[in-house]
Amino acid sequence: MRSNRPKVLQPLAGKPLLEHVLATARVLAADDVCVVYGHGGEAVQARFPEPGIRWVLQAERLGTGHAVQQAMPGTPDENRVLILAGDVPLLMPATLARLLAGTPGNEMAVLTVDMDDPTGYGRIIRENDGVQCIVEQKDANDEQRCIGEINTGVILCPGGKLKGWLANLGNDNSQGEYYLTDVIALAVADGIKVNGIKADSSVEVMGINDKKQLAEAERALQTRLVYKLMQEGVGFADPARVDIRGKLKCGKEVIIDINAVFEGDVELGDGVKIESNNLIRDSKLGAGTVVHSNCHIEGATAGDNCEIGPFARMRPGAELANKVKVGNFVEIKKSTVADGSKVNHLTYIGDTDIGAGVNVGAGTITCNYDGANKHKTKIGDGAFIGSGVQLVAPVEVGAGATIGAGSTITREAPANSLTLERSKQKSIKGWSKPVKKESE
């Protein structure tokens, strides 16, 4: 991967590769999930601190069979063992459920797939109604290399029998490694049937070994996620130009334009429209809300029929009620805005409670930080804040109050009153502009 980050921690749709594999195991309700780790193991374990994972170190890299051997001491003989790879993240739980359902407990199964170009993969050698063995690319003869059915690395075995087969593995091959795939021939020799069950698509079982394959897997997963949403009725201007890096829940009649990125947990109500070039992270937008182009929304909520942007930034803790307008080049952080209020342009609102029906003029700033601490601003219902106003917190503007343009407000502005704070305008005759000094 040419990265300091272990391969299984490389990001896919906003989650590490291994997280996708673990999620699949959990869907299958496995009663024991064991991760065999080697290089970068401390970083991998630190990323998954939750209980319920059994971690086993493979101190030496002696092959896939040796890796599985490390997990066997803690595996009950009566368990069926499903072996997955940490760099194969797109496997569908339904495919693995089919593998499990189609294999009696005393039999073995391998998940296979047909590929147009099987170069580099182990070939499936079939005889009668079962798999006889798997031959790796480097050990295959010319006839075997023409076989298009390949091993995906997903194997299902009876636990007790697997322990015995692993103990009998040899490393007499071109790599000098203990191949997990050799247990298939050992099973056949013991009279155990090995079922070869095919996956529907090679995309589902693709492994990731470099950044190119990682990008291909990203697009494949995005296609899957977007297709599922389209089946649920979500409209996309171009399904290929959307990225979902988390969970996206949509109501009815949702429309999403190009270059939209959704991260974390995002919920869009009925009739929400997302225009182009928007990033929305861990946020919830109510029915009928429109997000115009080029907005950044994180950790925020909006009620019904709000209008946001273009070029607006909603930071964590921004909470809009219903029919709120947040216009271009407006930033809102850790603030509430009540029904029907408007913050139309070129404004910063931080640590503020804005009442209903308030109009905040262009260029207004809530000065919430004194260099050491944050302070609160409160604006009552129906207030009108003129353009170019600084509200120096802590400060309160009463209901129905009007703040004259260009004012710096440091004390309470009473309700239903006009408050101005400006120096008297004056002109200085004969004043000269500074002159640029000539360089020496």
Protein backbone atom coordinates (compact mmCIF):
# COMPACT_ATOMS: atom_id res chain seq x y z
CA MET A 1 0.00 0.00 0.00
CA ARG A 2 3.07 2.27 0.32
CA SER A 3 1.63 3.64 3.54
CA ASN A 4 2.55 3.83 7.22
CA ARG A 5 -0.99 2.70 7.95
CA PRO A 6 -1.60 -1.09 8.07
CA LYS A 7 -3.52 -2.34 5.07
CA VAL A 8 -6.63 -3.37 7.03
CA LEU A 9 -6.87 0.19 8.40
CA GLN A 10 -6.96 1.78 4.94
CA PRO A 11 -10.27 3.66 4.54
CA LEU A 12 -13.15 2.37 2.43
CA ALA A 13 -16.34 4.46 2.44
CA GLY A 14 -15.08 6.18 5.58
CA LYS A 15 -14.36 2.98 7.52
CA PRO A 16 -11.25 0.77 7.81
CA LEU A 17 -11.26 -2.32 5.61
CA LEU A 18 -11.34 -4.56 8.66
CA GLU A 19 -14.45 -2.81 10.02
CA HIS A 20 -16.41 -3.93 6.97
CA VAL A 21 -15.32 -7.55 7.53
CA LEU A 22 -16.13 -7.45 11.24
CA ALA A 23 -19.55 -5.97 10.51
CA THR A 24 -20.30 -8.89 8.21
CA ALA A 25 -19.25 -11.36 10.90
CA ARG A 26 -21.58 -9.65 13.38
CA VAL A 27 -24.52 -9.84 10.96
CA LEU A 28 -23.92 -13.59 10.78
CA ALA A 29 -24.16 -13.72 14.60
CA ALA A 30 -20.82 -15.46 15.04
CA ASP A 31 -20.34 -16.49 18.66
CA ASP A 32 -16.56 -16.07 18.40
CA VAL A 33 -14.80 -13.47 16.25
CA CYS A 34 -11.04 -13.94 16.12
CA VAL A 35 -8.65 -11.58 14.34
CA VAL A 36 -5.22 -12.95 13.51
CA TYR A 37 -2.81 -10.04 13.21
CA GLY A 38 0.82 -9.43 12.41
CA HIS A 39 2.42 -6.24 11.07
CA GLY A 40 0.96 -3.10 12.63
CA GLY A 41 -1.05 -5.13 15.11
CA GLU A 42 -0.96 -2.56 17.90
CA ALA A 43 -2.50 0.08 15.66
CA VAL A 44 -5.15 -2.36 14.49
CA GLN A 45 -6.11 -3.34 18.03
CA ALA A 46 -6.19 0.29 19.15
CA ARG A 47 -8.66 1.08 16.36
CA PHE A 48 -11.05 -1.64 17.55
CA PRO A 49 -11.11 -1.39 21.36
CA GLU A 50 -14.61 -2.81 21.73
CA PRO A 51 -15.05 -6.16 23.52
CA GLY A 52 -16.06 -9.28 21.66
CA ILE A 53 -12.96 -9.63 19.46
CA ARG A 54 -10.37 -12.30 20.20
CA TRP A 55 -6.93 -11.10 19.09
CA VAL A 56 -4.23 -13.60 18.14
CA LEU A 57 -0.70 -12.74 17.05
CA GLN A 58 0.98 -14.42 14.07
CA ALA A 59 4.56 -13.59 15.02
CA GLU A 60 6.07 -15.17 11.90
CA ARG A 61 4.68 -14.90 8.38
CA LEU A 62 4.63 -18.53 7.38
CA GLY A 63 1.52 -18.50 5.20
CA THR A 64 -2.24 -18.49 5.45
CA GLY A 65 -2.43 -21.98 6.93
CA HIS A 66 -0.03 -20.98 9.68
CA ALA A 67 -2.11 -17.84 10.34
CA VAL A 68 -5.28 -19.87 10.89
CA GLN A 69 -3.36 -22.29 13.13
CA GLN A 70 -2.80 -19.45 15.58
CA ALA A 71 -6.54 -19.07 16.12
CA MET A 72 -7.29 -22.75 16.69
CA PRO A 73 -6.33 -23.15 20.38
CA GLY A 74 -9.20 -20.89 21.40
CA THR A 75 -11.72 -22.39 18.97
CA PRO A 76 -14.08 -25.14 20.24
CA ASP A 77 -14.01 -28.37 18.21
CA GLU A 78 -17.78 -28.29 17.76
CA ASN A 79 -17.76 -24.85 16.11
CA ARG A 80 -17.89 -24.35 12.39
CA VAL A 81 -15.05 -22.07 11.37
CA LEU A 82 -15.64 -19.45 8.67
CA ILE A 83 -12.35 -17.97 7.49
CA LEU A 84 -12.46 -14.45 6.05
CA ALA A 85 -9.70 -12.12 4.87
CA GLY A 86 -9.22 -8.67 6.34
CA ASP A 87 -8.53 -7.21 2.90
CA VAL A 88 -11.72 -8.55 1.27
CA PRO A 89 -14.29 -6.02 2.54
CA LEU A 90 -17.14 -6.23 0.02
CA LEU A 91 -18.50 -9.67 0.85
CA MET A 92 -22.24 -9.61 1.32
CA PRO A 93 -23.71 -11.29 4.42
CA ALA A 94 -26.31 -12.91 2.15
CA THR A 95 -23.57 -14.67 0.19
CA LEU A 96 -21.96 -16.05 3.33
CA ALA A 97 -25.37 -17.05 4.71
CA ARG A 98 -25.89 -19.06 1.51
CA LEU A 99 -22.50 -20.68 2.04
CA LEU A 100 -23.43 -21.63 5.60
CA ALA A 101 -26.92 -22.84 4.72
CA GLY A 102 -25.65 -24.99 1.84
CA THR A 103 -23.04 -26.83 3.88
CA PRO A 104 -23.93 -29.43 6.51
CA GLY A 105 -21.93 -29.23 9.73
CA ASN A 106 -19.76 -32.25 8.89
CA GLU A 107 -18.81 -30.96 5.44
CA MET A 108 -16.50 -28.27 4.15
CA ALA A 109 -17.08 -25.45 1.67
CA VAL A 110 -15.05 -22.97 -0.30
CA LEU A 111 -16.44 -19.79 -1.84
CA THR A 112 -15.41 -19.52 -5.49
CA VAL A 113 -16.01 -17.15 -8.36
CA ASP A 114 -15.55 -17.18 -12.14
CA MET A 115 -13.09 -14.63 -13.51
CA ASP A 116 -12.29 -13.64 -17.08
CA ASP A 117 -8.65 -13.22 -16.11
CA PRO A 118 -7.76 -15.54 -13.19
CA THR A 119 -4.05 -14.69 -13.25
CA GLY A 120 -2.54 -14.72 -9.78
CA TYR A 121 -5.35 -16.66 -8.11
CA GLY A 122 -5.57 -20.24 -6.91
CA ARG A 123 -7.54 -22.43 -9.35
CA ILE A 124 -10.44 -24.63 -8.27
CA ILE A 125 -9.98 -28.24 -9.33
CA ARG A 126 -13.36 -30.02 -9.38
CA GLU A 127 -14.23 -33.65 -9.71
CA ASN A 128 -17.73 -35.13 -9.71
CA ASP A 129 -19.88 -32.84 -7.51
CA GLY A 130 -17.17 -31.45 -5.26
CA VAL A 131 -13.87 -29.61 -5.06
CA GLN A 132 -10.79 -31.84 -5.06
CA CYS A 133 -8.11 -29.25 -4.39
CA ILE A 134 -6.90 -25.70 -5.05
CA VAL A 135 -3.72 -25.11 -7.03
CA GLU A 136 -1.92 -21.82 -6.56
CA GLN A 137 -0.85 -19.83 -9.64
CA LYS A 138 2.87 -20.49 -9.16
CA ASP A 139 2.31 -24.23 -8.74
CA ALA A 140 -0.26 -24.71 -11.54
CA ASN A 141 0.50 -26.37 -14.87
CA ASP A 142 -0.59 -24.91 -18.21
CA GLU A 143 -3.90 -26.79 -18.25
CA GLN A 144 -4.79 -25.73 -14.71
CA ARG A 145 -3.95 -22.10 -15.45
CA CYS A 146 -6.71 -22.10 -18.09
CA ILE A 147 -9.34 -22.70 -15.40
CA GLY A 148 -11.44 -19.58 -14.76
CA GLU A 149 -12.95 -20.59 -11.41
CA ILE A 150 -10.78 -19.32 -8.58
CA ASN A 151 -10.52 -19.49 -4.82
CA THR A 152 -11.74 -16.40 -2.97
CA GLY A 153 -10.01 -17.34 0.29
CA VAL A 154 -13.32 -17.83 2.13
CA ILE A 155 -13.45 -21.34 3.59
CA LEU A 156 -15.91 -23.04 5.94
CA CYS A 157 -14.72 -26.05 7.98
CA PRO A 158 -15.75 -28.18 10.96
CA GLY A 159 -13.58 -26.87 13.80
CA GLY A 160 -12.23 -30.14 15.15
CA LYS A 161 -11.34 -31.56 11.75
CA LEU A 162 -9.71 -28.27 10.69
CA LYS A 163 -7.31 -28.52 13.63
CA GLY A 164 -6.16 -31.92 12.46
CA TRP A 165 -5.73 -30.85 8.85
CA LEU A 166 -3.75 -27.76 9.82
CA ALA A 167 -1.42 -29.91 11.93
CA ASN A 168 -0.65 -32.00 8.83
CA LEU A 169 0.09 -29.11 6.46
CA GLY A 170 3.42 -29.07 4.67
CA ASN A 171 5.35 -26.25 3.06
CA ASP A 172 6.78 -28.08 0.05
CA ASN A 173 5.85 -25.42 -2.50
CA SER A 174 7.46 -22.55 -4.42
CA GLN A 175 6.86 -20.11 -1.54
CA GLY A 176 7.92 -22.38 1.28
CA GLU A 177 4.68 -21.47 3.09
CA TYR A 178 1.86 -23.38 4.74
CA TYR A 179 -1.09 -22.85 2.41
CA LEU A 180 -4.54 -22.88 3.94
CA THR A 181 -5.88 -24.13 0.62
CA ASP A 182 -4.04 -27.44 1.10
CA VAL A 183 -6.59 -28.43 3.76
CA ILE A 184 -9.05 -29.07 0.93
CA ALA A 185 -7.01 -31.99 -0.45
CA LEU A 186 -6.58 -33.29 3.12
CA ALA A 187 -10.34 -33.13 3.64
CA VAL A 188 -10.98 -35.03 0.42
CA ALA A 189 -8.45 -37.65 1.49
CA ASP A 190 -10.44 -38.06 4.73
CA GLY A 191 -13.63 -38.61 2.74
CA ILE A 192 -15.09 -35.20 3.62
CA LYS A 193 -17.11 -33.57 0.87
CA VAL A 194 -15.90 -30.09 -0.12
CA ASN A 195 -18.64 -27.93 -1.62
CA GLY A 196 -17.67 -25.26 -4.13
CA ILE A 197 -20.23 -22.46 -3.85
CA LYS A 198 -19.93 -19.60 -6.30
CA ALA A 199 -20.30 -15.93 -5.47
CA ASP A 200 -22.48 -13.93 -7.84
CA SER A 201 -19.82 -11.38 -8.73
CA SER A 202 -16.04 -11.07 -8.70
CA VAL A 203 -16.47 -7.53 -7.36
CA GLU A 204 -17.88 -8.89 -4.13
CA VAL A 205 -14.79 -11.01 -3.44
CA MET A 206 -12.10 -8.64 -4.71
CA GLY A 207 -9.02 -8.39 -2.55
CA ILE A 208 -7.17 -5.12 -1.98
CA ASN A 209 -3.40 -5.00 -2.32
CA ASP A 210 -2.67 -1.48 -3.57
CA LYS A 211 -4.18 1.99 -3.82
CA LYS A 212 -5.56 1.30 -7.29
CA GLN A 213 -7.56 -1.67 -6.05
CA LEU A 214 -8.63 0.37 -3.02
CA ALA A 215 -10.04 3.04 -5.33
CA GLU A 216 -11.80 0.39 -7.42
CA ALA A 217 -13.36 -1.10 -4.28
CA GLU A 218 -14.45 2.37 -3.15
CA ARG A 219 -16.32 2.98 -6.37
CA ALA A 220 -17.84 -0.51 -6.31
CA LEU A 221 -19.12 0.00 -2.77
CA GLN A 222 -20.44 3.47 -3.57
CA THR A 223 -22.33 2.02 -6.53
CA ARG A 224 -23.88 -0.58 -4.23
CA LEU A 225 -24.89 2.01 -1.61
CA VAL A 226 -26.36 4.44 -4.13
CA TYR A 227 -28.23 1.70 -5.99
CA LYS A 228 -29.88 0.62 -2.72
CA LEU A 229 -31.02 4.21 -2.08
CA MET A 230 -32.37 4.52 -5.62
CA GLN A 231 -34.39 1.37 -5.02
CA GLU A 232 -35.87 3.16 -2.00
CA GLY A 233 -36.85 6.13 -4.19
CA VAL A 234 -33.96 8.58 -3.75
CA GLY A 235 -33.14 10.58 -6.88
CA PHE A 236 -29.53 11.16 -7.96
CA ALA A 237 -28.46 13.50 -10.76
CA ASP A 238 -25.46 11.23 -11.39
CA PRO A 239 -25.08 8.11 -9.22
CA ALA A 240 -21.36 7.95 -10.03
CA ARG A 241 -20.66 11.34 -8.44
CA VAL A 242 -21.86 10.78 -4.89
CA ASP A 243 -19.91 9.43 -1.90
CA ILE A 244 -21.49 7.89 1.19
CA ARG A 245 -18.97 7.40 4.00
CA GLY A 246 -21.24 6.25 6.78
CA LYS A 247 -25.02 5.87 7.01
CA LEU A 248 -27.40 7.92 4.87
CA LYS A 249 -31.10 7.67 5.69
CA CYS A 250 -33.51 9.38 3.29
CA GLY A 251 -37.23 10.06 3.27
CA LYS A 252 -39.42 10.22 0.20
CA GLU A 253 -38.76 12.46 -2.82
CA VAL A 254 -35.19 13.29 -1.82
CA ILE A 255 -33.07 14.73 -4.64
CA ILE A 256 -29.25 14.69 -4.53
CA ASP A 257 -27.16 16.54 -7.11
CA ILE A 258 -23.57 15.82 -8.12
CA ASN A 259 -20.47 15.82 -5.92
CA ALA A 260 -22.35 15.38 -2.67
CA VAL A 261 -20.38 13.74 0.16
CA PHE A 262 -22.13 12.25 3.20
CA GLU A 263 -20.07 11.23 6.23
CA GLY A 264 -21.04 9.64 9.54
CA ASP A 265 -24.76 9.44 10.30
CA VAL A 266 -26.85 11.67 8.06
CA GLU A 267 -30.65 11.80 7.88
CA LEU A 268 -32.60 13.65 5.17
CA GLY A 269 -36.35 14.18 5.58
CA ASP A 270 -39.01 13.97 2.90
CA GLY A 271 -38.47 16.28 -0.05
CA VAL A 272 -34.99 17.42 0.93
CA LYS A 273 -32.95 18.75 -1.97
CA ILE A 274 -29.16 18.66 -1.89
CA GLU A 275 -27.57 20.75 -4.63
CA SER A 276 -24.05 20.22 -6.00
CA ASN A 277 -20.72 20.23 -4.14
CA ASN A 278 -21.91 19.76 -0.57
CA LEU A 279 -20.31 17.98 2.38
CA ILE A 280 -22.78 16.85 5.07
CA ARG A 281 -21.46 15.07 8.16
CA ASP A 282 -23.38 13.72 11.18
CA SER A 283 -26.37 15.97 10.57
CA LYS A 284 -30.15 15.79 10.28
CA LEU A 285 -32.21 17.91 7.87
CA GLY A 286 -36.00 18.19 8.10
CA ALA A 287 -38.60 17.79 5.38
CA GLY A 288 -38.49 20.25 2.50
CA THR A 289 -35.13 21.71 3.42
CA VAL A 290 -32.89 22.84 0.55
CA VAL A 291 -29.10 22.94 0.74
CA HIS A 292 -27.75 25.10 -2.05
CA SER A 293 -24.34 24.50 -3.61
CA ASN A 294 -20.97 24.54 -1.84
CA CYS A 295 -22.01 24.19 1.79
CA HIS A 296 -20.24 22.45 4.67
CA ILE A 297 -22.61 21.03 7.30
CA GLU A 298 -21.27 19.13 10.32
CA GLY A 299 -22.95 18.10 13.56
CA ALA A 300 -25.94 20.30 12.76
CA THR A 301 -29.72 19.97 12.60
CA ALA A 302 -32.33 21.80 10.57
CA GLY A 303 -36.09 21.65 10.87
CA ASP A 304 -38.60 21.63 8.05
CA ASN A 305 -38.46 23.92 5.01
CA CYS A 306 -35.15 25.57 5.81
CA GLU A 307 -32.89 27.07 3.17
CA ILE A 308 -29.12 26.83 3.57
CA GLY A 309 -26.45 28.39 1.37
CA PRO A 310 -24.91 28.68 -1.07
CA PHE A 311 -21.47 28.79 0.56
CA ALA A 312 -22.76 28.38 4.11
CA ARG A 313 -21.01 26.60 6.95
CA MET A 314 -22.95 24.90 9.73
CA ARG A 315 -20.62 23.80 12.50
CA PRO A 316 -21.30 21.37 15.39
CA GLY A 317 -24.16 22.49 17.61
CA ALA A 318 -25.91 24.58 14.96
CA GLU A 319 -29.65 23.99 15.37
CA LEU A 320 -32.18 25.52 12.99
CA ALA A 321 -35.90 25.36 13.69
CA ASN A 322 -38.45 25.52 10.84
CA LYS A 323 -38.39 27.90 7.85
CA VAL A 324 -34.99 29.31 8.75
CA LYS A 325 -32.84 30.93 6.07
CA VAL A 326 -29.05 30.75 6.29
CA GLY A 327 -27.54 32.50 3.29
CA ASN A 328 -24.23 32.75 1.50
CA PHE A 329 -20.98 33.04 3.45
CA VAL A 330 -22.73 32.57 6.80
CA GLU A 331 -21.11 30.49 9.55
CA ILE A 332 -23.13 29.22 12.50
CA LYS A 333 -21.61 27.37 15.44
CA LYS A 334 -23.18 26.03 18.66
CA SER A 335 -26.25 28.22 18.23
CA THR A 336 -30.01 27.88 17.96
CA VAL A 337 -32.13 29.75 15.43
CA ALA A 338 -35.89 29.72 15.99
CA ASP A 339 -38.73 29.55 13.44
CA GLY A 340 -38.70 31.89 10.48
CA SER A 341 -35.48 33.74 11.28
CA LYS A 342 -33.05 34.85 8.57
CA VAL A 343 -29.29 35.12 8.60
CA ASN A 344 -28.80 35.92 4.96
CA HIS A 345 -25.17 36.74 4.24
CA LEU A 346 -21.61 37.43 5.36
CA THR A 347 -22.24 36.71 9.03
CA TYR A 348 -20.75 34.75 11.93
CA ILE A 349 -23.07 33.44 14.65
CA GLY A 350 -21.44 31.60 17.55
CA ASP A 351 -22.74 30.56 20.99
CA THR A 352 -26.00 32.37 20.32
CA ASP A 353 -29.73 31.83 20.81
CA ILE A 354 -31.78 33.60 18.12
CA GLY A 355 -35.52 33.88 18.62
CA ALA A 356 -38.31 33.55 16.06
CA GLY A 357 -38.79 35.99 13.20
CA VAL A 358 -35.39 37.64 13.62
CA ASN A 359 -33.55 39.28 10.73
CA VAL A 360 -29.76 39.41 11.03
CA GLY A 361 -28.19 41.84 8.58
CA ALA A 362 -25.10 41.36 6.43
CA GLY A 363 -21.71 41.48 8.09
CA THR A 364 -22.97 40.87 11.61
CA ILE A 365 -20.59 39.18 14.05
CA THR A 366 -21.30 37.71 17.46
CA CYS A 367 -18.06 38.30 19.35
CA ASN A 368 -18.26 35.21 21.54
CA TYR A 369 -14.59 34.77 22.48
CA ASP A 370 -12.67 37.10 24.79
CA GLY A 371 -9.34 35.41 24.25
CA ALA A 372 -9.85 32.93 27.08
CA ASN A 373 -13.53 32.02 27.38
CA LYS A 374 -16.66 31.75 25.24
CA HIS A 375 -19.73 33.83 26.09
CA LYS A 376 -23.39 33.73 25.12
CA THR A 377 -25.48 36.09 22.99
CA LYS A 378 -29.29 36.12 23.13
CA ILE A 379 -31.51 37.75 20.53
CA GLY A 380 -35.23 37.96 21.27
CA ASP A 381 -38.16 37.23 18.95
CA GLY A 382 -38.75 39.69 16.16
CA ALA A 383 -35.49 41.59 16.62
CA PHE A 384 -33.86 43.34 13.65
CA ILE A 385 -30.07 43.43 13.54
CA GLY A 386 -28.72 45.97 11.06
CA SER A 387 -25.75 45.40 8.79
CA GLY A 388 -22.17 45.50 10.08
CA VAL A 389 -23.10 45.00 13.74
CA GLN A 390 -20.83 43.51 16.39
CA LEU A 391 -22.61 41.90 19.33
CA VAL A 392 -19.98 41.57 22.08
CA ALA A 393 -20.96 38.69 24.36
CA PRO A 394 -22.20 38.24 26.94
CA VAL A 395 -25.04 40.41 25.69
CA GLU A 396 -28.79 40.26 25.18
CA VAL A 397 -30.96 41.93 22.55
CA GLY A 398 -34.58 42.19 23.62
CA ALA A 399 -37.63 41.05 21.66
CA GLY A 400 -38.64 43.44 18.90
CA ALA A 401 -35.44 45.47 19.31
CA THR A 402 -33.71 47.15 16.37
CA ILE A 403 -29.93 47.50 16.27
CA GLY A 404 -28.71 50.26 13.97
CA ALA A 405 -26.22 49.40 11.25
CA GLY A 406 -22.55 49.66 12.20
CA SER A 407 -23.14 49.45 15.95
CA THR A 408 -20.96 47.68 18.47
CA ILE A 409 -23.26 46.45 21.21
CA THR A 410 -21.67 45.69 24.59
CA ARG A 411 -24.66 46.12 26.91
CA GLU A 412 -28.28 44.96 26.91
CA ALA A 413 -30.39 46.38 24.07
CA PRO A 414 -33.93 46.80 25.42
CA ALA A 415 -36.99 45.30 23.78
CA ASN A 416 -38.96 47.27 21.20
CA SER A 417 -36.33 50.01 21.05
CA LEU A 418 -33.78 51.30 18.56
CA THR A 419 -30.25 50.96 19.88
CA LEU A 420 -27.32 52.73 18.20
CA GLU A 421 -23.68 52.82 19.18
CA ARG A 422 -21.60 54.92 16.76
CA SER A 423 -19.12 57.76 17.02
CA LYS A 424 -20.27 61.07 15.52
CA GLN A 425 -19.40 61.25 11.83
CA LYS A 426 -16.82 63.83 10.97
CA SER A 427 -14.59 64.74 8.01
CA ILE A 428 -10.97 65.91 8.22
CA LYS A 429 -10.15 68.36 5.53
CA GLY A 430 -6.73 68.29 3.90
CA TRP A 431 -6.00 64.77 5.07
CA SER A 432 -3.49 62.93 2.87
CA LYS A 433 -3.31 59.24 2.14
CA PRO A 434 -0.11 57.42 3.13
CA VAL A 435 2.50 57.27 0.38
CA LYS A 436 4.37 54.10 -0.36
CA LYS A 437 8.06 54.45 0.43
CA GLU A 438 10.51 53.84 -2.35
CA SER A 439 12.61 50.75 -1.84
CA GLU A 440 16.19 51.45 -0.92
